[in-house]
Amino acid sequence: MYKYDYLIVGGGIIGLTIARELKARMPKKTVCILEKEKDVAFHSSGRNSGVLHAGFYYSADSLKAKFTKEGNQAMKEYCRLHQLPINECGKLVIAANEDELNGLKELKRRGDLNGVNLTWVDEKDIDQYDKNAKTYKKALFSPSTASVDPLLVCQTMKQELVEKGVDFYFQTKYIKSNGNHIETNKEVLTCDYFINAAGLYADQIAKDFGFGKKYTVIPFKGIYLRYAENKASVTMNIYPVPNLNNPFLGVHYTKTVDGTIKIGPTAIPAFWRENYRGLERFNLKEFLRIIYYETKLFVTNAFQFRRLAFTEMKKYRKKYLIHLAKGLVRNINDRGFEKSIKPGIRAQLLNTETLELVQDFVIEGDKESIHVLNAVSPGFTCSIPFARYIVDVMMKKKEDKIMIGGATE
């Protein structure tokens, strides 16, 4: 039986950055990471777009606003330090009509409150930023938005942690806990402190420790299409004005770290947590629970779920997805889009009492464990300062021996 000072469940970017922060502060403490897959970043962290967001979508009182701007710079610094590629291409947010122009004004207001550099662009000048972009009267330009290779970042961080003495247990699945004894599918490990960064399964693990009682994960599938015809057709990220009542940013153009263009993502309600393709990784228990809540959302039409579900399901049709993307640019060839690339699943937290999608990060815990819930986009961008914050909170609560809970404590 192996004993560790800190045991982390989850080998995604949040688990990796927490381990990195722990070793930076306490190099002599023992740390391990349990990961049920054969390597790090198998799920959301390795399947996201790689966009480093600037931080203007989020209300100023949120953890997302607190860490996105700082995280953008921290991740760029990490990539430069380790000689990893960065595409500092920027982003345009464009409007389609007068209502969306008001949406741009709200984004600018939030950006100003969050200290994010945003520039107004007149319709007549937009081709100076991207010759293919089009907008209604105005657009917003974000110079700090960039792209990195998320899988390469995670692999580099894994190697860094191995060199610092962090133990990785791959294909090792958390089963249950009994005090500080953590049972896995292979062995029992013990720890002084337990850290739950399990992404899609964080809510389930939290409940074993008496946390996350009013939350459940509702998975949403994100699909992208790659544009193969000409990498120069779009030179930067081009986004629509999002519906700020939900956490999804709409179909947009992403410029990846190697200059590839892709459109997406969808936010299609999934039916089990790892519902990537067909019946792959089907789980009946998850299916029944998720269908129960999705049916409840459909019947009550909470946050206009019916409209969201119908609109997103239509995006399974390649033609419809391309149609939405075409509205953001002057000219793009429909036939230039290849079949969908590796899909991702967003581990979106639902408050089961209010039937609202949780917009911010959530942390719950006490003197023995901490649970990172709803670390969805821009979780990758925020990860380095967010991990610092999590360890700060963890240390304080270990000393104070006070239970914590909620998004902003």
Protein backbone atom coordinates (compact mmCIF):
# COMPACT_ATOMS: atom_id res chain seq x y z
CA MET A 1 0.00 0.00 0.00
CA TYR A 2 1.50 3.31 -1.12
CA LYS A 3 0.99 6.49 0.88
CA TYR A 4 1.14 10.01 -0.58
CA ASP A 5 0.88 13.49 0.87
CA TYR A 6 -1.38 14.52 -2.04
CA LEU A 7 -3.38 12.24 -4.31
CA ILE A 8 -4.98 13.77 -7.42
CA VAL A 9 -7.63 12.04 -9.51
CA GLY A 10 -7.62 13.26 -13.12
CA GLY A 11 -4.78 13.63 -15.61
CA GLY A 12 -6.22 16.60 -17.49
CA ILE A 13 -4.84 20.13 -17.48
CA ILE A 14 -6.37 20.95 -14.07
CA GLY A 15 -4.88 17.89 -12.36
CA LEU A 16 -1.51 18.53 -14.01
CA THR A 17 -1.33 22.19 -13.05
CA ILE A 18 -2.38 21.46 -9.46
CA ALA A 19 0.40 18.86 -9.19
CA ARG A 20 2.85 21.37 -10.69
CA GLU A 21 1.82 24.03 -8.17
CA LEU A 22 2.13 21.61 -5.24
CA LYS A 23 5.65 20.56 -6.26
CA ALA A 24 6.68 24.19 -6.81
CA ARG A 25 5.65 25.08 -3.25
CA MET A 26 6.54 21.84 -1.49
CA PRO A 27 9.11 19.91 -3.52
CA LYS A 28 9.64 17.32 -0.78
CA LYS A 29 5.96 16.39 -0.51
CA THR A 30 4.86 13.25 -2.36
CA VAL A 31 2.25 13.67 -5.09
CA CYS A 32 0.56 11.18 -7.39
CA ILE A 33 -2.01 11.41 -10.18
CA LEU A 34 -4.55 8.67 -10.90
CA GLU A 35 -5.79 8.57 -14.49
CA LYS A 36 -8.21 5.94 -15.75
CA GLU A 37 -6.94 6.26 -19.34
CA LYS A 38 -3.56 5.18 -20.74
CA ASP A 39 -2.18 8.73 -20.84
CA VAL A 40 -2.88 12.32 -19.83
CA ALA A 41 -5.34 14.64 -21.60
CA PHE A 42 -7.42 11.82 -23.06
CA HIS A 43 -10.70 13.72 -22.71
CA SER A 44 -11.53 17.47 -22.61
CA SER A 45 -7.95 18.72 -22.15
CA GLY A 46 -6.72 16.95 -25.27
CA ARG A 47 -9.84 17.51 -27.34
CA ASN A 48 -10.40 21.24 -26.90
CA SER A 49 -9.67 23.87 -29.54
CA GLY A 50 -6.44 25.09 -27.98
CA VAL A 51 -7.69 28.70 -28.00
CA LEU A 52 -6.27 30.88 -25.23
CA HIS A 53 -9.17 33.17 -24.44
CA ALA A 54 -8.72 36.83 -23.50
CA GLY A 55 -11.34 37.11 -20.72
CA PHE A 56 -14.09 39.43 -21.92
CA TYR A 57 -17.04 37.01 -21.97
CA TYR A 58 -17.32 36.66 -18.21
CA SER A 59 -18.94 38.85 -15.56
CA ALA A 60 -16.39 40.69 -13.43
CA ASP A 61 -17.37 38.94 -10.18
CA SER A 62 -16.66 35.44 -11.57
CA LEU A 63 -13.66 33.15 -11.14
CA LYS A 64 -13.51 32.87 -14.93
CA ALA A 65 -12.99 36.63 -15.24
CA LYS A 66 -10.44 36.54 -12.41
CA PHE A 67 -8.21 33.95 -14.08
CA THR A 68 -8.69 34.13 -17.86
CA LYS A 69 -6.59 37.22 -18.55
CA GLU A 70 -3.83 36.07 -16.19
CA GLY A 71 -4.06 32.50 -17.50
CA ASN A 72 -3.70 33.66 -21.10
CA GLN A 73 -0.35 35.26 -20.27
CA ALA A 74 0.77 32.41 -17.99
CA MET A 75 0.13 29.75 -20.65
CA LYS A 76 1.96 31.79 -23.27
CA GLU A 77 4.92 32.13 -20.90
CA TYR A 78 4.86 28.38 -20.25
CA CYS A 79 4.89 27.64 -23.97
CA ARG A 80 7.76 30.06 -24.59
CA LEU A 81 9.76 28.60 -21.71
CA HIS A 82 9.37 25.09 -23.11
CA GLN A 83 9.67 26.18 -26.76
CA LEU A 84 6.13 25.09 -27.61
CA PRO A 85 4.38 26.71 -30.60
CA ILE A 86 1.94 29.61 -30.15
CA ASN A 87 -0.20 31.16 -32.88
CA GLU A 88 -0.85 34.74 -31.71
CA CYS A 89 -3.47 35.31 -34.36
CA GLY A 90 -6.05 37.31 -32.37
CA LYS A 91 -9.84 37.18 -32.57
CA LEU A 92 -12.68 39.11 -34.17
CA VAL A 93 -16.17 39.01 -32.66
CA ILE A 94 -18.64 40.09 -35.33
CA ALA A 95 -22.29 41.16 -35.30
CA ALA A 96 -25.07 40.15 -37.68
CA ASN A 97 -27.70 42.77 -36.76
CA GLU A 98 -28.62 45.58 -34.35
CA ASP A 99 -29.38 43.22 -31.46
CA GLU A 100 -25.96 41.62 -31.79
CA LEU A 101 -24.38 45.06 -31.94
CA ASN A 102 -25.80 45.59 -28.46
CA GLY A 103 -24.26 42.25 -27.53
CA LEU A 104 -20.86 43.54 -28.67
CA LYS A 105 -21.31 46.58 -26.43
CA GLU A 106 -21.93 44.29 -23.46
CA LEU A 107 -18.79 42.30 -24.28
CA LYS A 108 -16.78 45.53 -24.48
CA ARG A 109 -18.19 46.63 -21.13
CA ARG A 110 -17.19 43.30 -19.56
CA GLY A 111 -13.78 43.46 -21.18
CA ASP A 112 -13.19 46.94 -19.77
CA LEU A 113 -14.20 45.80 -16.27
CA ASN A 114 -11.89 42.79 -16.55
CA GLY A 115 -8.96 44.86 -17.82
CA VAL A 116 -8.89 43.11 -21.21
CA ASN A 117 -7.60 44.93 -24.29
CA LEU A 118 -10.40 45.13 -26.89
CA THR A 119 -10.53 47.40 -29.93
CA TRP A 120 -13.61 48.60 -31.83
CA VAL A 121 -13.38 47.90 -35.56
CA ASP A 122 -15.59 49.69 -38.10
CA GLU A 123 -17.25 47.60 -40.78
CA LYS A 124 -15.29 49.41 -43.52
CA ASP A 125 -11.97 48.62 -41.81
CA ILE A 126 -12.52 44.97 -40.95
CA ASP A 127 -10.55 43.67 -43.94
CA GLN A 128 -7.44 45.21 -42.36
CA TYR A 129 -7.77 42.47 -39.72
CA ASP A 130 -9.10 39.57 -41.79
CA LYS A 131 -9.95 40.04 -45.47
CA ASN A 132 -12.66 37.40 -45.30
CA ALA A 133 -14.51 38.57 -42.19
CA LYS A 134 -17.75 40.52 -42.41
CA THR A 135 -19.81 42.30 -39.78
CA TYR A 136 -22.74 44.64 -39.21
CA LYS A 137 -21.46 48.18 -38.52
CA LYS A 138 -18.91 47.17 -35.85
CA ALA A 139 -16.77 44.31 -34.61
CA LEU A 140 -14.49 43.75 -31.63
CA PHE A 141 -10.84 42.78 -32.01
CA SER A 142 -9.02 40.88 -29.26
CA PRO A 143 -5.25 40.97 -29.84
CA SER A 144 -4.35 38.67 -26.93
CA THR A 145 -6.44 35.68 -28.09
CA ALA A 146 -4.08 32.98 -29.35
CA SER A 147 -3.88 29.24 -30.03
CA VAL A 148 -1.62 26.50 -28.67
CA ASP A 149 -1.46 22.71 -28.98
CA PRO A 150 -3.29 21.52 -25.83
CA LEU A 151 -2.10 17.92 -26.12
CA LEU A 152 1.52 19.00 -26.51
CA VAL A 153 1.18 21.30 -23.49
CA CYS A 154 -0.19 18.44 -21.36
CA GLN A 155 2.48 16.00 -22.52
CA THR A 156 5.20 18.54 -21.74
CA MET A 157 3.72 19.15 -18.31
CA LYS A 158 3.54 15.41 -17.65
CA GLN A 159 7.24 15.02 -18.43
CA GLU A 160 8.06 18.00 -16.21
CA LEU A 161 6.13 16.43 -13.33
CA VAL A 162 7.78 13.01 -13.78
CA GLU A 163 11.16 14.74 -13.51
CA LYS A 164 10.00 16.40 -10.28
CA GLY A 165 9.02 13.06 -8.75
CA VAL A 166 5.26 12.96 -9.32
CA ASP A 167 4.00 9.39 -9.71
CA PHE A 168 1.46 8.64 -12.46
CA TYR A 169 -0.91 5.69 -12.23
CA PHE A 170 -2.38 5.17 -15.70
CA GLN A 171 -5.33 2.90 -16.49
CA THR A 172 -6.09 3.24 -12.79
CA LYS A 173 -9.70 4.05 -12.05
CA TYR A 174 -11.00 5.56 -8.84
CA ILE A 175 -13.58 3.17 -7.34
CA LYS A 176 -14.40 4.51 -3.89
CA SER A 177 -12.90 6.03 -0.77
CA ASN A 178 -12.79 4.89 2.82
CA GLY A 179 -11.41 7.76 4.79
CA ASN A 180 -7.93 8.42 3.41
CA HIS A 181 -7.85 5.01 1.71
CA ILE A 182 -8.56 5.31 -2.02
CA GLU A 183 -9.64 2.10 -3.70
CA THR A 184 -8.87 1.73 -7.42
CA ASN A 185 -9.35 -1.03 -9.97
CA LYS A 186 -5.74 -2.09 -9.26
CA GLU A 187 -4.73 -1.29 -5.69
CA VAL A 188 -5.49 0.75 -2.60
CA LEU A 189 -3.59 4.01 -2.07
CA THR A 190 -3.59 6.24 0.98
CA CYS A 191 -3.12 9.99 1.18
CA ASP A 192 -3.10 12.87 3.61
CA TYR A 193 -5.13 15.02 1.20
CA PHE A 194 -7.38 14.07 -1.74
CA ILE A 195 -7.82 16.31 -4.81
CA ASN A 196 -10.65 15.62 -7.25
CA ALA A 197 -9.95 16.96 -10.74
CA ALA A 198 -11.80 14.20 -12.56
CA GLY A 199 -13.62 16.35 -15.14
CA LEU A 200 -16.59 14.41 -16.47
CA TYR A 201 -16.75 12.34 -13.27
CA ALA A 202 -15.84 15.02 -10.72
CA ASP A 203 -19.44 15.37 -9.52
CA GLN A 204 -19.77 11.64 -8.86
CA ILE A 205 -16.51 11.43 -6.93
CA ALA A 206 -17.42 14.56 -4.94
CA LYS A 207 -20.58 12.87 -3.69
CA ASP A 208 -18.49 10.07 -2.14
CA PHE A 209 -17.00 12.76 0.11
CA GLY A 210 -20.29 14.50 0.86
CA PHE A 211 -19.88 17.32 -1.67
CA GLY A 212 -21.53 18.31 -4.95
CA LYS A 213 -24.92 17.32 -3.59
CA LYS A 214 -26.94 19.81 -5.65
CA TYR A 215 -25.02 19.27 -8.89
CA THR A 216 -24.83 16.78 -11.72
CA VAL A 217 -22.91 16.80 -14.98
CA ILE A 218 -24.92 17.18 -18.17
CA PRO A 219 -22.57 16.38 -21.06
CA PHE A 220 -22.63 18.38 -24.30
CA LYS A 221 -20.88 17.12 -27.41
CA GLY A 222 -18.63 19.46 -29.38
CA ILE A 223 -18.01 18.61 -33.04
CA TYR A 224 -15.61 20.45 -35.37
CA LEU A 225 -15.12 20.33 -39.14
CA ARG A 226 -11.69 20.98 -40.63
CA TYR A 227 -11.36 23.27 -43.67
CA ALA A 228 -8.82 21.66 -45.97
CA GLU A 229 -8.89 23.85 -49.06
CA ASN A 230 -6.80 26.88 -48.11
CA LYS A 231 -5.29 27.76 -44.71
CA ALA A 232 -5.17 31.42 -45.76
CA SER A 233 -8.95 31.71 -46.23
CA VAL A 234 -9.23 32.89 -42.62
CA THR A 235 -6.28 34.44 -40.79
CA MET A 236 -7.62 34.68 -37.23
CA ASN A 237 -10.35 33.37 -34.94
CA ILE A 238 -13.76 34.71 -35.99
CA TYR A 239 -16.61 34.38 -33.49
CA PRO A 240 -20.28 35.42 -33.46
CA VAL A 241 -21.86 37.31 -30.57
CA PRO A 242 -22.81 34.58 -28.08
CA ASN A 243 -26.00 34.19 -26.11
CA LEU A 244 -24.70 35.29 -22.70
CA ASN A 245 -27.56 33.45 -20.94
CA ASN A 246 -25.80 30.14 -21.55
CA PRO A 247 -22.10 29.18 -21.47
CA PHE A 248 -21.74 28.27 -25.17
CA LEU A 249 -19.99 30.57 -27.67
CA GLY A 250 -21.68 29.46 -30.90
CA VAL A 251 -20.24 28.10 -34.14
CA HIS A 252 -17.07 29.98 -35.04
CA TYR A 253 -13.82 29.80 -36.99
CA THR A 254 -10.82 28.61 -35.01
CA LYS A 255 -7.31 29.19 -36.27
CA THR A 256 -5.23 26.40 -34.73
CA VAL A 257 -1.59 26.56 -33.69
CA ASP A 258 -0.43 25.25 -37.10
CA GLY A 259 -2.70 27.61 -39.05
CA THR A 260 -5.41 25.05 -39.81
CA ILE A 261 -8.98 26.38 -40.02
CA LYS A 262 -11.84 24.57 -38.34
CA ILE A 263 -15.46 25.42 -37.64
CA GLY A 264 -17.52 24.50 -34.61
CA PRO A 265 -18.09 23.49 -31.96
CA THR A 266 -21.59 22.19 -31.51
CA ALA A 267 -23.15 21.99 -28.04
CA ILE A 268 -25.29 18.92 -28.68
CA PRO A 269 -26.83 17.34 -25.54
CA ALA A 270 -25.11 13.97 -25.11
CA PHE A 271 -26.70 10.89 -23.58
CA TRP A 272 -23.81 9.56 -21.48
CA ARG A 273 -20.58 11.14 -20.30
CA GLU A 274 -18.25 9.74 -22.93
CA ASN A 275 -20.77 9.73 -25.80
CA TYR A 276 -18.18 10.49 -28.50
CA ARG A 277 -19.20 8.20 -31.35
CA GLY A 278 -22.01 5.71 -31.81
CA LEU A 279 -22.42 3.42 -28.80
CA GLU A 280 -18.75 3.76 -27.84
CA ARG A 281 -18.31 3.73 -24.04
CA PHE A 282 -22.07 3.41 -23.51
CA ASN A 283 -23.07 3.36 -19.83
CA LEU A 284 -26.69 2.45 -19.03
CA LYS A 285 -26.70 3.98 -15.54
CA GLU A 286 -25.36 7.29 -16.86
CA PHE A 287 -27.78 7.19 -19.79
CA LEU A 288 -30.83 6.81 -17.53
CA ARG A 289 -29.74 9.58 -15.15
CA ILE A 290 -28.85 12.02 -17.92
CA ILE A 291 -32.06 11.30 -19.87
CA TYR A 292 -34.00 11.95 -16.67
CA TYR A 293 -32.52 15.44 -16.28
CA GLU A 294 -32.60 16.27 -19.98
CA THR A 295 -36.29 15.31 -20.08
CA LYS A 296 -36.90 17.51 -17.05
CA LEU A 297 -35.13 20.41 -18.76
CA PHE A 298 -37.12 19.81 -21.94
CA VAL A 299 -40.49 19.73 -20.13
CA THR A 300 -39.78 22.82 -17.98
CA ASN A 301 -37.90 24.52 -20.83
CA ALA A 302 -35.35 25.78 -18.31
CA PHE A 303 -32.92 28.32 -19.89
CA GLN A 304 -34.80 27.67 -23.20
CA PHE A 305 -33.41 24.13 -23.31
CA ARG A 306 -35.95 23.03 -25.95
CA ARG A 307 -34.73 25.61 -28.43
CA LEU A 308 -31.10 24.82 -27.60
CA ALA A 309 -31.63 21.08 -28.06
CA PHE A 310 -33.44 21.42 -31.40
CA THR A 311 -30.93 23.96 -32.75
CA GLU A 312 -27.92 21.92 -31.68
CA MET A 313 -29.27 18.59 -32.97
CA LYS A 314 -29.58 20.21 -36.42
CA LYS A 315 -25.82 20.71 -36.35
CA TYR A 316 -25.30 16.98 -36.82
CA ARG A 317 -26.05 17.87 -40.45
CA LYS A 318 -22.80 18.99 -42.05
CA LYS A 319 -24.64 21.37 -44.40
CA TYR A 320 -26.31 23.20 -41.54
CA LEU A 321 -23.07 23.59 -39.60
CA ILE A 322 -21.36 25.03 -42.68
CA HIS A 323 -24.34 27.33 -43.31
CA LEU A 324 -23.91 28.87 -39.84
CA ALA A 325 -20.18 29.36 -40.36
CA LYS A 326 -20.70 30.97 -43.77
CA GLY A 327 -22.61 33.81 -42.12
CA LEU A 328 -19.39 35.04 -40.49
CA VAL A 329 -17.30 35.44 -43.67
CA ARG A 330 -17.56 36.80 -47.19
CA ASN A 331 -16.54 33.67 -49.04
CA ILE A 332 -15.82 30.06 -48.15
CA ASN A 333 -16.11 26.90 -50.25
CA ASP A 334 -18.69 24.44 -48.90
CA ARG A 335 -16.77 21.57 -50.45
CA GLY A 336 -13.58 22.49 -48.65
CA PHE A 337 -14.78 21.08 -45.33
CA GLU A 338 -13.66 17.58 -44.42
CA LYS A 339 -15.53 15.16 -42.17
CA SER A 340 -15.64 15.97 -38.47
CA ILE A 341 -12.47 15.67 -36.43
CA LYS A 342 -12.10 14.20 -32.93
CA PRO A 343 -15.17 15.34 -30.93
CA GLY A 344 -15.04 16.53 -27.34
CA ILE A 345 -17.46 16.40 -24.43
CA ARG A 346 -18.08 19.43 -22.23
CA ALA A 347 -18.58 18.40 -18.59
CA GLN A 348 -21.24 21.05 -17.96
CA LEU A 349 -22.55 21.27 -14.42
CA LEU A 350 -26.29 21.53 -13.80
CA ASN A 351 -27.75 22.84 -10.55
CA THR A 352 -30.44 20.21 -9.91
CA GLU A 353 -32.34 22.51 -7.53
CA THR A 354 -32.70 25.50 -9.86
CA LEU A 355 -32.30 23.63 -13.19
CA GLU A 356 -29.74 26.20 -14.31
CA LEU A 357 -26.48 25.57 -16.10
CA VAL A 358 -23.67 26.69 -13.81
CA GLN A 359 -21.74 29.48 -15.52
CA ASP A 360 -18.68 29.68 -13.25
CA PHE A 361 -16.09 27.30 -11.84
CA VAL A 362 -17.13 25.58 -8.61
CA ILE A 363 -14.89 24.34 -5.79
CA GLU A 364 -16.09 22.43 -2.73
CA GLY A 365 -14.09 20.76 0.01
CA ASP A 366 -12.78 20.66 3.57
CA LYS A 367 -9.61 19.85 5.54
CA GLU A 368 -9.31 16.39 3.94
CA SER A 369 -10.37 16.82 0.30
CA ILE A 370 -11.10 19.38 -2.39
CA HIS A 371 -13.30 18.94 -5.47
CA VAL A 372 -12.98 20.95 -8.68
CA LEU A 373 -16.39 21.04 -10.33
CA ASN A 374 -17.36 22.65 -13.64
CA ALA A 375 -13.81 23.45 -14.80
CA VAL A 376 -15.10 23.91 -18.36
CA SER A 377 -14.04 26.48 -20.97
CA PRO A 378 -11.99 28.58 -20.44
CA GLY A 379 -10.57 26.03 -17.98
CA PHE A 380 -7.54 25.32 -20.16
CA THR A 381 -6.70 29.02 -20.47
CA CYS A 382 -7.21 29.61 -16.73
CA SER A 383 -5.45 26.46 -15.54
CA ILE A 384 -2.14 27.83 -14.23
CA PRO A 385 -3.48 30.67 -12.01
CA PHE A 386 -6.61 28.64 -11.22
CA ALA A 387 -4.40 25.83 -9.86
CA ARG A 388 -2.58 28.40 -7.73
CA TYR A 389 -5.92 29.57 -6.35
CA ILE A 390 -7.07 26.00 -5.65
CA VAL A 391 -3.89 25.25 -3.69
CA ASP A 392 -4.25 28.57 -1.79
CA VAL A 393 -7.80 27.66 -0.79
CA MET A 394 -6.77 24.10 0.05
CA MET A 395 -3.94 25.25 2.34
CA LYS A 396 -6.14 27.77 4.11
CA LYS A 397 -8.89 25.26 4.73
CA LYS A 398 -6.43 22.64 5.94
CA GLU A 399 -5.27 25.15 8.56
CA ASP A 400 -8.70 26.53 9.43
CA LYS A 401 -10.41 23.12 9.27
CA ILE A 402 -13.52 24.83 7.88
CA MET A 403 -15.76 23.29 5.25
CA ILE A 404 -16.03 25.27 2.00
CA GLY A 405 -18.39 25.23 -0.92
CA GLY A 406 -19.43 27.36 -3.85
CA ALA A 407 -18.04 29.10 -6.88
CA THR A 408 -16.36 32.13 -5.37
CA GLU A 409 -15.20 31.20 -1.86
